[in-house]
């Protein structure tokens, strides 16, 4: 009987992982379209400059994602697909990690094995079908690493503390240290640790095992420190890179930072159910971060968890307390990277570390609802006995979960991916410019006029970030750059000799055309592969 039960749980988990894989891998070569410059920046660094702990360009980026992309390129070759595949794989593994974490957390409470398995499956299903997580699992941004690291770090930490296992505590420390190489939001994760460790310290103290607890924390801390030391040394020698772009958008830069913080916090608290991120790259603009049934379950689970935390405090149940302290501290700490920046709108990328905690709360809410349903004694008359009532209930639950999967699929692949604004959001036009350059004869002189705004790369004298997409398209074909990239005030550097010269502005308007016609009066504007190219006749 026990073996049969475990097989069922394994089958359910495999189905969920299959759904997660489908939603993250299907059509990955073409959805999302184009290649946003921030993605291309990661891809270019992976090709030309792998192995760094930190990349200061474009506001500063931690190095783990770039180095994983470099590995992907070595195995599969460079392409937008092999760039985004790294995110997709990380996203799928995170679904598995959340299942393992929830199972482990419930072992610290009095919950039955059936409830633990149910909660773990619910949480993993919710994250598997979450538009929020699906979307970032299909984009070449480093932020997707943050939920992955948090899930496995806390899994190893709780399991290590429960079993007093040194190896697991070392793994927890190494994973925690690795988190500092993922995304800047992780820097606040250390604020979660006291809420986990203090209840455990009291529990170990009551068991008269204070030395074992101190040793456990020391092993965890030293393991994390060993991993993070290279990054610490880097920031000590480059202190300005530690803050990157955050200073300009911090609430502390506002005239009244308390008001700014409260306003920003309020906008982030309502993003789950009312109004979410308005950036089309990050979300279906303005829609809540959670599909409305999951949003309701999240609110229920949040309230239920508050009650359980109060109950465990009253009854002095320390280990269950650590679970709920973890969830609430995780939620409020990981919302801070968004709340502490002031741009007037919620930011789903900066708060991506929230996703696992939110899905666990939603799972608590779903389990509460299921338990209420089970208490309903009167079911439809066509289900006369308990066996048929049981299957009728399973049918309803199955229909609900199938509906959630279908709704997630439609929202991402139809409502969002086919929206006319998505091509612009992922700068598909820059990809087409790169393809047009690659299609030109090798003997042609090629110049790209970078007249799009953005952070200069390298800073401060390089061309702006949008050129990164075109550069990657070139490197993808040739392994190096064939075109020369110039700013608008560098037209005088265009050299015309005995070969045809193609000048491709990233943005065509009357200003750039007048400058080209004035500087090179013999040129002709032609269209190739939907890209406008200014051809200049060679000198005779």
Protein backbone atom coordinates (compact mmCIF):
# COMPACT_ATOMS: atom_id res chain seq x y z
CA UNK A 1 0.00 0.00 0.00
CA UNK A 2 2.81 2.43 0.93
CA UNK A 3 4.69 1.60 -2.26
CA UNK A 4 1.55 2.18 -4.34
CA UNK A 5 1.03 5.55 -2.62
CA UNK A 6 4.58 6.68 -3.36
CA UNK A 7 4.21 5.64 -6.99
CA UNK A 8 1.08 7.81 -7.27
CA UNK A 9 2.88 10.82 -5.80
CA UNK A 10 5.82 10.26 -8.16
CA UNK A 11 3.45 10.06 -11.15
CA UNK A 12 1.70 13.30 -10.11
CA UNK A 13 5.09 15.01 -9.71
CA UNK A 14 6.28 13.80 -13.13
CA UNK A 15 3.08 15.11 -14.71
CA UNK A 16 3.65 18.51 -13.11
CA UNK A 17 7.28 18.57 -14.26
CA UNK A 18 6.13 17.62 -17.76
CA UNK A 19 3.66 20.52 -17.76
CA UNK A 20 6.41 22.82 -16.48
CA UNK A 21 8.73 21.59 -19.24
CA UNK A 22 6.10 22.12 -21.93
CA UNK A 23 5.30 25.65 -20.77
CA UNK A 24 8.98 26.59 -20.66
CA UNK A 25 10.36 24.80 -23.72
CA UNK A 26 7.56 24.80 -26.31
CA UNK A 27 8.40 27.19 -29.14
CA UNK A 28 11.38 28.59 -27.24
CA UNK A 29 13.21 29.23 -30.54
CA UNK A 30 10.59 31.82 -31.54
CA UNK A 31 8.68 32.88 -28.39
CA UNK A 32 9.36 35.47 -27.22
CA UNK A 33 10.34 37.00 -30.57
CA UNK A 34 13.42 39.11 -31.07
CA UNK A 35 16.16 39.53 -28.49
CA UNK A 36 16.13 42.33 -25.96
CA UNK A 37 19.47 44.19 -25.58
CA UNK A 38 19.83 43.17 -21.92
CA UNK A 39 19.59 39.52 -23.02
CA UNK A 40 22.05 40.15 -25.85
CA UNK A 41 24.45 41.81 -23.39
CA UNK A 42 24.54 38.58 -21.38
CA UNK A 43 25.02 36.56 -24.57
CA UNK A 44 27.87 38.76 -25.81
CA UNK A 45 29.69 38.56 -22.49
CA UNK A 46 29.22 34.78 -22.50
CA UNK A 47 30.90 34.67 -25.92
CA UNK A 48 33.67 37.21 -25.47
CA UNK A 49 34.39 37.49 -21.76
CA UNK A 50 33.24 34.47 -19.72
CA UNK A 51 34.52 33.59 -16.27
CA UNK A 52 33.99 36.87 -14.41
CA UNK A 53 32.35 37.07 -10.99
CA UNK A 54 30.75 40.42 -11.89
CA UNK A 55 30.11 42.34 -15.10
CA UNK A 56 30.00 46.12 -14.45
CA UNK A 57 28.51 47.07 -17.82
CA UNK A 58 24.83 47.91 -18.26
CA UNK A 59 24.25 48.79 -14.63
CA UNK A 60 26.19 45.82 -13.23
CA UNK A 61 25.37 42.12 -13.44
CA UNK A 62 26.35 39.17 -11.26
CA UNK A 63 28.31 36.57 -13.20
CA UNK A 64 26.69 33.17 -12.60
CA UNK A 65 24.06 33.41 -15.33
CA UNK A 66 26.56 34.65 -17.94
CA UNK A 67 28.88 31.75 -17.16
CA UNK A 68 26.05 29.21 -17.43
CA UNK A 69 25.16 30.73 -20.81
CA UNK A 70 28.79 30.39 -21.85
CA UNK A 71 28.60 26.67 -21.05
CA UNK A 72 25.37 26.38 -23.03
CA UNK A 73 27.01 28.08 -26.03
CA UNK A 74 29.94 25.67 -25.91
CA UNK A 75 27.58 22.70 -25.97
CA UNK A 76 24.84 23.92 -28.34
CA UNK A 77 26.41 26.83 -30.19
CA UNK A 78 25.45 30.48 -29.77
CA UNK A 79 21.85 31.44 -30.44
CA UNK A 80 18.92 33.11 -28.68
CA UNK A 81 17.57 29.59 -28.10
CA UNK A 82 20.66 28.31 -26.27
CA UNK A 83 20.72 31.56 -24.26
CA UNK A 84 17.11 31.21 -23.15
CA UNK A 85 17.40 27.45 -22.67
CA UNK A 86 19.49 28.13 -19.57
CA UNK A 87 16.59 30.07 -18.04
CA UNK A 88 14.09 27.37 -19.06
CA UNK A 89 16.09 24.56 -17.45
CA UNK A 90 16.60 26.57 -14.27
CA UNK A 91 12.86 27.26 -14.20
CA UNK A 92 11.97 23.57 -14.54
CA UNK A 93 14.41 22.51 -11.81
CA UNK A 94 12.92 25.19 -9.54
CA UNK A 95 9.53 23.47 -9.83
CA UNK A 96 11.13 20.26 -8.54
CA UNK A 97 13.00 22.20 -5.85
CA UNK A 98 9.81 23.76 -4.53
CA UNK A 99 8.23 20.30 -4.21
CA UNK A 100 11.23 19.10 -2.19
CA UNK A 101 11.26 22.23 -0.03
CA UNK A 102 7.56 22.07 0.88
CA UNK A 103 7.87 18.35 1.69
CA UNK A 104 10.80 19.13 3.97
CA UNK A 105 9.10 22.10 5.66
CA UNK A 106 6.04 20.04 6.54
CA UNK A 107 8.28 17.46 8.27
CA UNK A 108 8.94 20.15 10.86
CA UNK A 109 5.24 20.27 11.73
CA UNK A 110 2.62 17.76 12.80
CA UNK A 111 1.18 17.58 9.29
CA UNK A 112 0.44 14.10 7.95
CA UNK A 113 2.43 12.70 5.07
CA UNK A 114 -0.64 12.93 2.85
CA UNK A 115 -1.08 16.63 3.62
CA UNK A 116 2.65 17.25 3.10
CA UNK A 117 2.55 15.55 -0.30
CA UNK A 118 -0.63 17.40 -1.23
CA UNK A 119 0.84 20.78 -0.30
CA UNK A 120 4.09 20.03 -2.13
CA UNK A 121 2.24 18.99 -5.29
CA UNK A 122 -0.04 22.03 -5.12
CA UNK A 123 2.87 24.49 -4.71
CA UNK A 124 4.84 22.88 -7.53
CA UNK A 125 1.78 22.90 -9.82
CA UNK A 126 1.09 26.55 -9.08
CA UNK A 127 4.65 27.62 -9.89
CA UNK A 128 4.72 25.33 -12.94
CA UNK A 129 1.68 27.11 -14.40
CA UNK A 130 2.46 30.62 -13.12
CA UNK A 131 2.69 33.18 -15.93
CA UNK A 132 5.09 35.14 -13.73
CA UNK A 133 7.53 32.25 -13.50
CA UNK A 134 6.94 30.91 -17.04
CA UNK A 135 7.73 34.28 -18.56
CA UNK A 136 11.06 34.76 -16.80
CA UNK A 137 11.92 31.10 -17.50
CA UNK A 138 11.86 31.96 -21.21
CA UNK A 139 13.95 35.17 -21.13
CA UNK A 140 17.72 35.43 -20.93
CA UNK A 141 17.70 37.40 -17.66
CA UNK A 142 19.73 36.35 -14.63
CA UNK A 143 16.81 36.97 -12.25
CA UNK A 144 15.41 33.47 -12.85
CA UNK A 145 18.29 32.09 -10.77
CA UNK A 146 17.00 33.80 -7.62
CA UNK A 147 13.94 31.56 -6.91
CA UNK A 148 16.06 28.52 -7.81
CA UNK A 149 18.78 29.38 -5.29
CA UNK A 150 16.36 30.34 -2.52
CA UNK A 151 14.36 27.13 -2.86
CA UNK A 152 17.36 24.81 -2.73
CA UNK A 153 19.21 26.82 -0.07
CA UNK A 154 16.30 26.57 2.36
CA UNK A 155 15.68 22.94 1.44
CA UNK A 156 19.25 21.98 2.35
CA UNK A 157 19.24 24.24 5.43
CA UNK A 158 16.03 22.89 6.97
CA UNK A 159 16.89 19.30 6.17
CA UNK A 160 20.37 19.76 7.59
CA UNK A 161 19.07 21.34 10.81
CA UNK A 162 16.39 18.66 11.23
CA UNK A 163 18.79 15.75 10.66
CA UNK A 164 21.82 17.52 12.17
CA UNK A 165 23.61 16.62 8.94
CA UNK A 166 26.92 18.42 8.34
CA UNK A 167 27.02 17.65 4.61
CA UNK A 168 23.58 19.19 4.03
CA UNK A 169 24.55 22.27 6.03
CA UNK A 170 27.65 22.66 3.85
CA UNK A 171 25.43 22.39 0.76
CA UNK A 172 23.08 24.99 2.22
CA UNK A 173 25.99 27.37 2.84
CA UNK A 174 27.48 26.84 -0.60
CA UNK A 175 24.09 27.44 -2.20
CA UNK A 176 23.49 30.56 -0.12
CA UNK A 177 26.91 31.91 -1.08
CA UNK A 178 26.23 31.15 -4.73
CA UNK A 179 23.07 33.26 -4.46
CA UNK A 180 25.16 36.44 -4.37
CA UNK A 181 26.25 35.68 -7.94
CA UNK A 182 22.66 35.53 -9.21
CA UNK A 183 20.76 38.81 -8.94
CA UNK A 184 21.18 41.93 -6.82
CA UNK A 185 17.88 41.29 -4.97
CA UNK A 186 19.53 38.31 -3.26
CA UNK A 187 21.71 40.67 -1.21
CA UNK A 188 18.78 41.14 1.17
CA UNK A 189 18.26 37.38 1.67
CA UNK A 190 20.49 37.34 4.78
CA UNK A 191 17.64 39.19 6.55
CA UNK A 192 15.58 35.99 6.36
CA UNK A 193 18.12 33.88 8.24
CA UNK A 194 17.46 35.18 11.80
CA UNK A 195 13.77 34.28 11.50
CA UNK A 196 14.79 30.71 10.66
CA UNK A 197 17.71 30.28 13.02
CA UNK A 198 16.39 31.87 16.24
CA UNK A 199 13.53 29.34 16.69
CA UNK A 200 16.04 26.56 15.99
CA UNK A 201 18.47 28.00 18.51
CA UNK A 202 15.76 27.86 21.18
CA UNK A 203 14.85 24.28 20.15
CA UNK A 204 18.49 23.16 20.28
CA UNK A 205 18.90 25.00 23.61
CA UNK A 206 15.98 23.08 25.13
CA UNK A 207 17.60 19.86 23.93
CA UNK A 208 20.88 21.03 25.53
CA UNK A 209 22.61 20.93 22.14
CA UNK A 210 23.76 24.56 21.96
CA UNK A 211 27.25 23.59 20.80
CA UNK A 212 25.83 21.53 17.95
CA UNK A 213 23.68 24.47 16.86
CA UNK A 214 26.62 26.88 16.97
CA UNK A 215 28.71 24.39 14.99
CA UNK A 216 25.89 23.99 12.44
CA UNK A 217 25.56 27.75 11.95
CA UNK A 218 29.34 28.12 11.73
CA UNK A 219 29.56 25.42 9.04
CA UNK A 220 26.73 27.06 7.11
CA UNK A 221 28.29 30.51 7.42
CA UNK A 222 31.87 29.52 6.56
CA UNK A 223 30.68 27.54 3.53
CA UNK A 224 28.78 30.59 2.28
CA UNK A 225 31.73 32.89 2.98
CA UNK A 226 34.17 30.72 1.02
CA UNK A 227 31.94 30.92 -2.05
CA UNK A 228 31.24 34.65 -1.81
CA UNK A 229 34.84 35.76 -1.07
CA UNK A 230 35.81 36.41 -4.74
CA UNK A 231 32.80 38.73 -5.09
CA UNK A 232 33.66 40.49 -1.82
CA UNK A 233 37.21 41.12 -3.04
CA UNK A 234 35.82 42.43 -6.33
CA UNK A 235 33.49 44.93 -4.60
CA UNK A 236 36.24 46.05 -2.22
CA UNK A 237 38.30 47.08 -5.23
CA UNK A 238 35.27 48.37 -7.20
CA UNK A 239 32.90 49.80 -4.54
CA UNK A 240 30.87 51.85 -7.05
CA UNK A 241 29.81 48.65 -8.83
CA UNK A 242 28.10 47.38 -5.68
CA UNK A 243 25.33 49.95 -5.98
CA UNK A 244 25.09 49.96 -9.78
CA UNK A 245 21.87 51.52 -11.07
CA UNK A 246 19.98 51.31 -7.76
CA UNK A 247 20.95 54.74 -6.45
CA UNK A 248 19.04 56.65 -9.10
CA UNK A 249 15.74 54.86 -8.47
CA UNK A 250 16.01 54.38 -4.69
CA UNK A 251 13.20 55.70 -2.48
CA UNK A 252 15.95 57.37 -0.43
CA UNK A 253 16.60 59.69 -3.38
CA UNK A 254 13.03 61.04 -3.11
CA UNK A 255 12.25 64.26 -1.16
CA UNK A 256 10.13 62.32 1.35
CA UNK A 257 11.53 58.80 1.36
CA UNK A 258 9.04 57.46 3.94
CA UNK A 259 6.06 58.48 1.81
CA UNK A 260 7.81 57.16 -1.30
CA UNK A 261 8.53 53.83 0.38
CA UNK A 262 4.97 53.38 1.65
CA UNK A 263 3.53 54.24 -1.75
CA UNK A 264 5.91 51.83 -3.49
CA UNK A 265 5.21 49.11 -0.92
CA UNK A 266 1.47 49.55 -1.37
CA UNK A 267 1.74 49.18 -5.14
CA UNK A 268 3.76 45.99 -4.70
CA UNK A 269 1.33 44.54 -2.16
CA UNK A 270 -1.58 44.86 -4.59
CA UNK A 271 0.32 43.50 -7.59
CA UNK A 272 -0.70 39.91 -6.82
CA UNK A 273 -4.44 40.42 -7.14
CA UNK A 274 -5.22 43.90 -8.50
CA UNK A 275 -2.61 45.61 -10.68
CA UNK A 276 0.75 44.12 -11.61
CA UNK A 277 3.83 45.07 -13.61
CA UNK A 278 3.07 47.25 -16.66
CA UNK A 279 6.23 46.28 -18.55
CA UNK A 280 5.25 44.03 -21.49
CA UNK A 281 8.55 42.11 -21.19
CA UNK A 282 7.78 41.23 -17.59
CA UNK A 283 4.04 40.73 -17.61
CA UNK A 284 0.80 41.00 -19.53
CA UNK A 285 0.85 44.75 -18.97
CA UNK A 286 -1.01 45.77 -15.83
CA UNK A 287 -2.60 42.39 -15.12
CA UNK A 288 -2.19 40.91 -11.61
CA UNK A 289 0.88 38.73 -11.12
CA UNK A 290 -1.37 35.83 -10.12
CA UNK A 291 -4.25 34.31 -12.08
CA UNK A 292 -7.34 35.28 -10.07
CA UNK A 293 -8.11 31.82 -8.53
CA UNK A 294 -4.47 31.51 -7.39
CA UNK A 295 -4.62 35.07 -6.11
CA UNK A 296 -7.61 34.22 -3.94
CA UNK A 297 -5.91 31.06 -2.67
CA UNK A 298 -2.80 33.12 -1.89
CA UNK A 299 -4.84 35.49 0.30
CA UNK A 300 -6.54 32.56 2.06
CA UNK A 301 -3.20 30.84 2.62
CA UNK A 302 -1.65 34.04 3.95
CA UNK A 303 -4.42 34.42 6.53
CA UNK A 304 -4.37 30.71 7.45
CA UNK A 305 -0.59 30.90 7.94
CA UNK A 306 -0.94 33.89 10.28
CA UNK A 307 -3.39 31.89 12.40
CA UNK A 308 -1.07 28.88 12.45
CA UNK A 309 1.90 31.03 13.43
CA UNK A 310 -0.06 32.55 16.33
CA UNK A 311 -1.21 29.08 17.39
CA UNK A 312 2.33 27.68 17.34
CA UNK A 313 3.62 30.66 19.35
CA UNK A 314 0.92 30.17 21.98
CA UNK A 315 1.73 26.47 22.21
CA UNK A 316 5.49 27.10 22.09
CA UNK A 317 5.93 24.77 19.11
CA UNK A 318 9.28 26.09 17.97
CA UNK A 319 9.96 24.11 14.82
CA UNK A 320 6.56 24.82 13.22
CA UNK A 321 7.18 28.47 14.11
CA UNK A 322 10.38 28.43 12.05
CA UNK A 323 8.34 27.40 8.98
CA UNK A 324 5.91 30.27 9.21
CA UNK A 325 8.61 32.76 10.20
CA UNK A 326 10.49 31.61 7.09
CA UNK A 327 7.49 32.21 4.83
CA UNK A 328 6.58 35.63 6.22
CA UNK A 329 10.17 36.87 6.37
CA UNK A 330 10.77 35.51 2.85
CA UNK A 331 7.71 37.39 1.62
CA UNK A 332 8.46 40.74 3.24
CA UNK A 333 12.23 40.67 2.62
CA UNK A 334 11.92 39.71 -1.04
CA UNK A 335 9.31 42.40 -1.68
CA UNK A 336 11.83 45.03 -0.52
CA UNK A 337 13.92 45.12 -3.74
CA UNK A 338 10.80 46.42 -5.46
CA UNK A 339 9.43 48.52 -2.60
CA UNK A 340 12.77 50.27 -1.98
CA UNK A 341 12.93 51.49 -5.57
CA UNK A 342 10.62 54.25 -6.67
CA UNK A 343 9.38 54.20 -10.24
CA UNK A 344 5.68 54.52 -9.54
CA UNK A 345 4.78 50.96 -10.59
CA UNK A 346 5.28 47.42 -9.28
CA UNK A 347 8.34 45.62 -10.62
CA UNK A 348 7.95 41.86 -11.06
CA UNK A 349 11.61 41.26 -11.97
CA UNK A 350 13.08 42.88 -8.87
CA UNK A 351 10.60 40.92 -6.75
CA UNK A 352 11.08 37.61 -8.56
CA UNK A 353 12.41 36.08 -5.34
CA UNK A 354 8.85 36.25 -3.97
CA UNK A 355 7.49 33.60 -6.33
CA UNK A 356 8.21 30.42 -4.29
CA UNK A 357 6.86 31.90 -1.04
CA UNK A 358 3.72 33.16 -2.79
CA UNK A 359 3.10 29.72 -4.30
CA UNK A 360 3.50 28.05 -0.88
CA UNK A 361 0.93 30.43 0.60
CA UNK A 362 -1.41 29.63 -2.32
CA UNK A 363 -0.90 25.90 -1.64
CA UNK A 364 -1.89 26.42 2.02
CA UNK A 365 -5.00 28.22 0.79
CA UNK A 366 -5.84 25.43 -1.66
CA UNK A 367 -5.44 22.75 1.03
CA UNK A 368 -7.73 24.73 3.33
CA UNK A 369 -10.37 24.89 0.57
CA UNK A 370 -10.01 21.15 -0.15
CA UNK A 371 -10.48 20.32 3.52
CA UNK A 372 -13.64 22.43 3.59
CA UNK A 373 -14.96 20.64 0.50
CA UNK A 374 -14.31 17.24 2.09
CA UNK A 375 -16.54 18.23 5.00
CA UNK A 376 -19.49 18.81 2.68
CA UNK A 377 -21.65 15.75 3.22
CA UNK A 378 -24.30 16.30 0.58
CA UNK A 379 -23.12 15.79 -2.99
CA UNK A 380 -25.22 15.44 -6.17
CA UNK A 381 -27.79 12.65 -6.19
CA UNK A 382 -26.11 10.90 -9.10
CA UNK A 383 -23.22 10.12 -6.74
CA UNK A 384 -25.13 7.82 -4.36
CA UNK A 385 -22.30 6.14 -2.45
CA UNK A 386 -19.01 7.22 -0.98
CA UNK A 387 -16.94 5.66 -3.77
CA UNK A 388 -18.75 7.63 -6.47
CA UNK A 389 -18.69 10.77 -4.34
CA UNK A 390 -14.92 10.39 -4.06
CA UNK A 391 -14.48 10.04 -7.82
CA UNK A 392 -16.88 12.92 -8.45
CA UNK A 393 -14.72 15.10 -6.19
CA UNK A 394 -11.56 13.98 -8.02
CA UNK A 395 -13.24 14.81 -11.34
CA UNK A 396 -14.07 18.33 -10.19
CA UNK A 397 -10.55 18.90 -8.85
CA UNK A 398 -9.02 17.52 -12.05
CA UNK A 399 -11.19 19.80 -14.15
CA UNK A 400 -10.13 22.83 -12.08
CA UNK A 401 -6.44 22.04 -12.46
CA UNK A 402 -6.78 21.33 -16.18
CA UNK A 403 -8.53 24.69 -16.52
CA UNK A 404 -5.65 26.43 -14.73
CA UNK A 405 -3.15 24.82 -17.11
CA UNK A 406 -5.18 25.76 -20.18
CA UNK A 407 -5.65 29.32 -18.90
CA UNK A 408 -1.88 29.69 -18.34
CA UNK A 409 -1.14 28.30 -21.81
CA UNK A 410 -3.58 30.67 -23.46
CA UNK A 411 -2.40 33.70 -21.52
CA UNK A 412 1.25 33.16 -22.40
CA UNK A 413 1.21 31.73 -25.92
CA UNK A 414 -1.86 33.51 -27.31
CA UNK A 415 -2.86 36.58 -25.30
CA UNK A 416 0.68 37.71 -24.51
CA UNK A 417 2.98 36.23 -27.16
CA UNK A 418 0.72 37.21 -30.05
CA UNK A 419 0.10 40.72 -28.78
CA UNK A 420 1.40 43.31 -31.24
CA UNK A 421 3.45 45.04 -28.53
CA UNK A 422 5.64 42.04 -27.76
CA UNK A 423 7.79 42.33 -30.89
CA UNK A 424 8.66 45.88 -29.91
CA UNK A 425 9.20 44.93 -26.28
CA UNK A 426 11.85 42.40 -27.36
CA UNK A 427 13.29 44.65 -30.11
CA UNK A 428 12.66 42.25 -32.98
CA UNK A 429 13.64 45.06 -35.36
CA UNK A 430 17.21 44.94 -34.03
CA UNK A 431 17.37 41.21 -34.75
CA UNK A 432 16.25 41.94 -38.33
CA UNK A 433 19.03 44.53 -38.67
CA UNK A 434 21.53 41.91 -37.55
CA UNK A 435 20.13 39.41 -40.05
CA UNK A 436 20.29 42.02 -42.82
CA UNK A 437 23.95 42.72 -42.01
CA UNK A 438 24.74 39.00 -42.05
CA UNK A 439 23.07 38.71 -45.46
CA UNK A 440 25.27 41.41 -47.03
CA UNK A 441 28.19 40.36 -49.26
CA UNK A 442 31.40 39.82 -47.22
CA UNK A 443 33.27 42.44 -49.25
CA UNK A 444 30.82 45.21 -48.32
CA UNK A 445 31.89 47.86 -45.81
CA UNK A 446 29.29 47.82 -43.05
CA UNK A 447 28.53 50.59 -40.58
CA UNK A 448 25.81 50.60 -37.93
CA UNK A 449 24.76 54.02 -36.67
CA UNK A 450 23.72 53.56 -33.04
CA UNK A 451 21.18 56.34 -32.67
CA UNK A 452 19.10 54.60 -30.00
CA UNK A 453 19.38 55.74 -26.38
CA UNK A 454 20.81 53.48 -23.71
CA UNK A 455 23.72 52.93 -21.33
CA UNK A 456 27.07 53.24 -23.14
CA UNK A 457 29.03 49.98 -23.42
CA UNK A 458 31.82 50.19 -22.49
CA UNK A 459 31.06 53.06 -20.15
CA UNK A 460 31.27 56.03 -20.75
CA UNK A 461 32.46 56.26 -24.36
CA UNK A 462 31.00 53.18 -26.04
CA UNK A 463 27.86 52.89 -28.13
CA UNK A 464 24.55 52.45 -26.32
CA UNK A 465 23.22 49.09 -25.12
CA UNK A 466 20.64 48.54 -27.93
CA UNK A 467 23.53 47.76 -30.31
CA UNK A 468 24.21 44.59 -28.30
CA UNK A 469 21.41 42.73 -30.09
CA UNK A 470 22.90 43.41 -33.53
CA UNK A 471 26.39 42.57 -32.29
CA UNK A 472 25.21 39.20 -31.00
CA UNK A 473 23.57 38.39 -34.33
CA UNK A 474 26.92 39.07 -36.02
CA UNK A 475 28.89 37.02 -33.53
CA UNK A 476 26.39 34.20 -33.81
CA UNK A 477 27.23 33.86 -37.51
CA UNK A 478 30.86 34.95 -37.75
CA UNK A 479 32.18 34.65 -34.19
CA UNK A 480 33.32 38.27 -34.43
CA UNK A 481 32.05 41.68 -35.51
CA UNK A 482 32.15 42.51 -39.21
CA UNK A 483 30.39 45.87 -38.99
CA UNK A 484 31.69 49.00 -37.31
CA UNK A 485 29.43 50.63 -34.73
CA UNK A 486 29.36 54.42 -34.61
CA UNK A 487 27.48 57.04 -32.64
CA UNK A 488 25.52 59.73 -34.45
CA UNK A 489 28.34 62.28 -34.12
CA UNK A 490 30.89 59.86 -35.64
CA UNK A 491 29.67 59.83 -39.25
CA UNK A 492 33.02 61.31 -40.27
CA UNK A 493 34.64 57.97 -39.40
CA UNK A 494 32.87 56.23 -42.26
CA UNK A 495 35.59 55.40 -44.73
CA UNK A 496 34.74 54.84 -48.38
CA UNK A 497 37.37 53.27 -50.62
CA UNK A 498 36.96 50.83 -53.48
CA UNK A 499 34.09 48.84 -52.01
CA UNK A 500 30.37 49.43 -51.66
CA UNK A 501 29.47 50.75 -48.21
CA UNK A 502 26.27 49.99 -46.35
CA UNK A 503 25.24 52.37 -43.58
CA UNK A 504 22.44 51.06 -41.36
CA UNK A 505 20.93 53.43 -38.79
CA UNK A 506 19.25 51.62 -35.91
CA UNK A 507 16.49 54.20 -36.03
CA UNK A 508 15.45 55.84 -39.29
CA UNK A 509 14.17 59.42 -39.14
CA UNK A 510 14.53 62.64 -41.15
CA UNK A 511 17.43 63.83 -39.01
CA UNK A 512 19.70 60.87 -39.73
CA UNK A 513 18.69 60.75 -43.41
CA UNK A 514 19.49 64.44 -43.89
CA UNK A 515 22.87 64.00 -42.23
CA UNK A 516 23.71 60.99 -44.41
CA UNK A 517 22.61 62.74 -47.61
CA UNK A 518 24.59 65.85 -46.68
CA UNK A 519 27.73 63.89 -45.80
CA UNK A 520 27.41 61.34 -48.64
CA UNK A 521 25.31 62.99 -51.38
CA UNK A 522 25.72 60.10 -53.80
CA UNK A 523 24.08 57.56 -51.50
CA UNK A 524 20.80 55.71 -52.06
CA UNK A 525 18.29 54.46 -49.48
CA UNK A 526 17.22 50.88 -50.18
CA UNK A 527 15.25 48.26 -48.27
CA UNK A 528 16.63 44.77 -47.68
CA UNK A 529 14.90 42.18 -45.49
CA UNK A 530 12.60 44.96 -44.20
CA UNK A 531 15.66 46.94 -43.10
CA UNK A 532 16.47 50.34 -44.61
CA UNK A 533 20.12 50.59 -45.70
CA UNK A 534 21.89 53.68 -47.01
CA UNK A 535 24.18 52.50 -49.81
CA UNK A 536 27.17 54.62 -50.73
CA UNK A 537 28.84 54.22 -54.12
CA UNK A 538 32.59 53.50 -53.88
CA UNK A 539 35.06 56.19 -54.88
CA UNK A 540 36.59 55.93 -58.35
